[in-house]
Amino acid sequence: FRDGALIYHNAVLKLEKVSALGEDGFMATGSVSMDATVGGVLKHLHTLLLVVWRKESGTWRLLGHQTTLLPQS
């Protein structure tokens, strides 16, 4: 990020599903569409995502995050 090899211009998050994991946790899936300059080339990127959160001692903590880049069409 510091050397400018990757610059995000915008991102649109679309949550598809949020599932409770007991009383103190949840998992969310969805997608992100974004425009970014990668190595000097402007690209439109589309990814799928999964996040898992859990409440520990009153504080929400991110336990897991997975992002998968989809092939460009």
Protein backbone atom coordinates (compact mmCIF):
# COMPACT_ATOMS: atom_id res chain seq x y z
CA PHE A 1 0.00 0.00 0.00
CA ARG A 2 2.73 2.44 0.92
CA ASP A 3 4.50 2.32 -2.44
CA GLY A 4 1.22 2.71 -4.37
CA ALA A 5 1.33 -0.70 -6.10
CA LEU A 6 -2.29 -1.22 -5.01
CA ILE A 7 -4.76 1.67 -4.81
CA TYR A 8 -8.45 1.07 -4.01
CA HIS A 9 -10.81 3.61 -5.61
CA ASN A 10 -14.18 2.29 -4.43
CA ALA A 11 -15.83 -0.83 -3.06
CA VAL A 12 -19.43 -2.01 -2.85
CA LEU A 13 -20.26 -4.71 -0.28
CA LYS A 14 -23.32 -6.90 -0.75
CA LEU A 15 -24.13 -9.20 2.17
CA GLU A 16 -25.95 -12.33 1.01
CA LYS A 17 -26.48 -14.22 4.26
CA VAL A 18 -25.85 -13.74 7.98
CA SER A 19 -26.11 -16.85 10.16
CA ALA A 20 -26.15 -16.91 13.97
CA LEU A 21 -23.58 -19.13 15.65
CA GLY A 22 -25.17 -19.41 19.06
CA GLU A 23 -25.88 -16.24 21.04
CA ASP A 24 -22.41 -14.71 20.76
CA GLY A 25 -21.31 -15.33 17.20
CA PHE A 26 -22.24 -15.03 13.57
CA MET A 27 -21.00 -15.82 10.10
CA ALA A 28 -21.65 -13.59 7.09
CA THR A 29 -21.17 -14.28 3.38
CA GLY A 30 -21.42 -11.97 0.43
CA SER A 31 -19.49 -10.25 -2.32
CA VAL A 32 -17.46 -7.12 -2.93
CA SER A 33 -17.10 -5.31 -6.25
CA MET A 34 -14.32 -2.76 -6.45
CA ASP A 35 -12.19 -0.69 -8.75
CA ALA A 36 -8.49 -0.66 -7.98
CA THR A 37 -5.23 0.26 -9.64
CA VAL A 38 -2.94 -2.77 -9.46
CA GLY A 39 0.63 -2.26 -10.63
CA GLY A 40 -0.43 0.84 -12.55
CA VAL A 41 -3.38 -0.88 -14.31
CA LEU A 42 -6.99 0.03 -13.46
CA LYS A 43 -9.01 -3.15 -12.81
CA HIS A 44 -12.56 -4.00 -11.81
CA LEU A 45 -12.38 -6.78 -9.20
CA HIS A 46 -15.17 -8.98 -7.91
CA THR A 47 -14.65 -11.15 -4.81
CA LEU A 48 -16.63 -13.47 -2.59
CA LEU A 49 -16.18 -13.14 1.15
CA LEU A 50 -16.78 -14.95 4.40
CA VAL A 51 -16.34 -13.48 7.89
CA VAL A 52 -16.80 -15.06 11.33
CA TRP A 53 -17.26 -12.89 14.45
CA ARG A 54 -17.57 -13.86 18.13
CA LYS A 55 -18.32 -11.79 21.21
CA GLU A 56 -15.66 -12.33 23.90
CA SER A 57 -15.92 -10.56 27.27
CA GLY A 58 -18.33 -8.03 25.77
CA THR A 59 -16.13 -7.20 22.74
CA TRP A 60 -16.77 -8.39 19.17
CA ARG A 61 -13.69 -10.05 17.66
CA LEU A 62 -13.05 -11.09 14.09
CA LEU A 63 -12.15 -14.80 14.16
CA GLY A 64 -11.88 -15.49 10.46
CA HIS A 65 -11.91 -13.76 7.10
CA GLN A 66 -11.68 -15.31 3.63
CA THR A 67 -11.79 -13.40 0.36
CA THR A 68 -11.72 -15.18 -3.01
CA LEU A 69 -11.07 -13.28 -6.24
CA LEU A 70 -13.39 -14.33 -9.05
CA PRO A 71 -12.10 -14.55 -12.63
CA GLN A 72 -12.63 -11.40 -14.67
CA SER A 73 -15.37 -11.73 -17.27
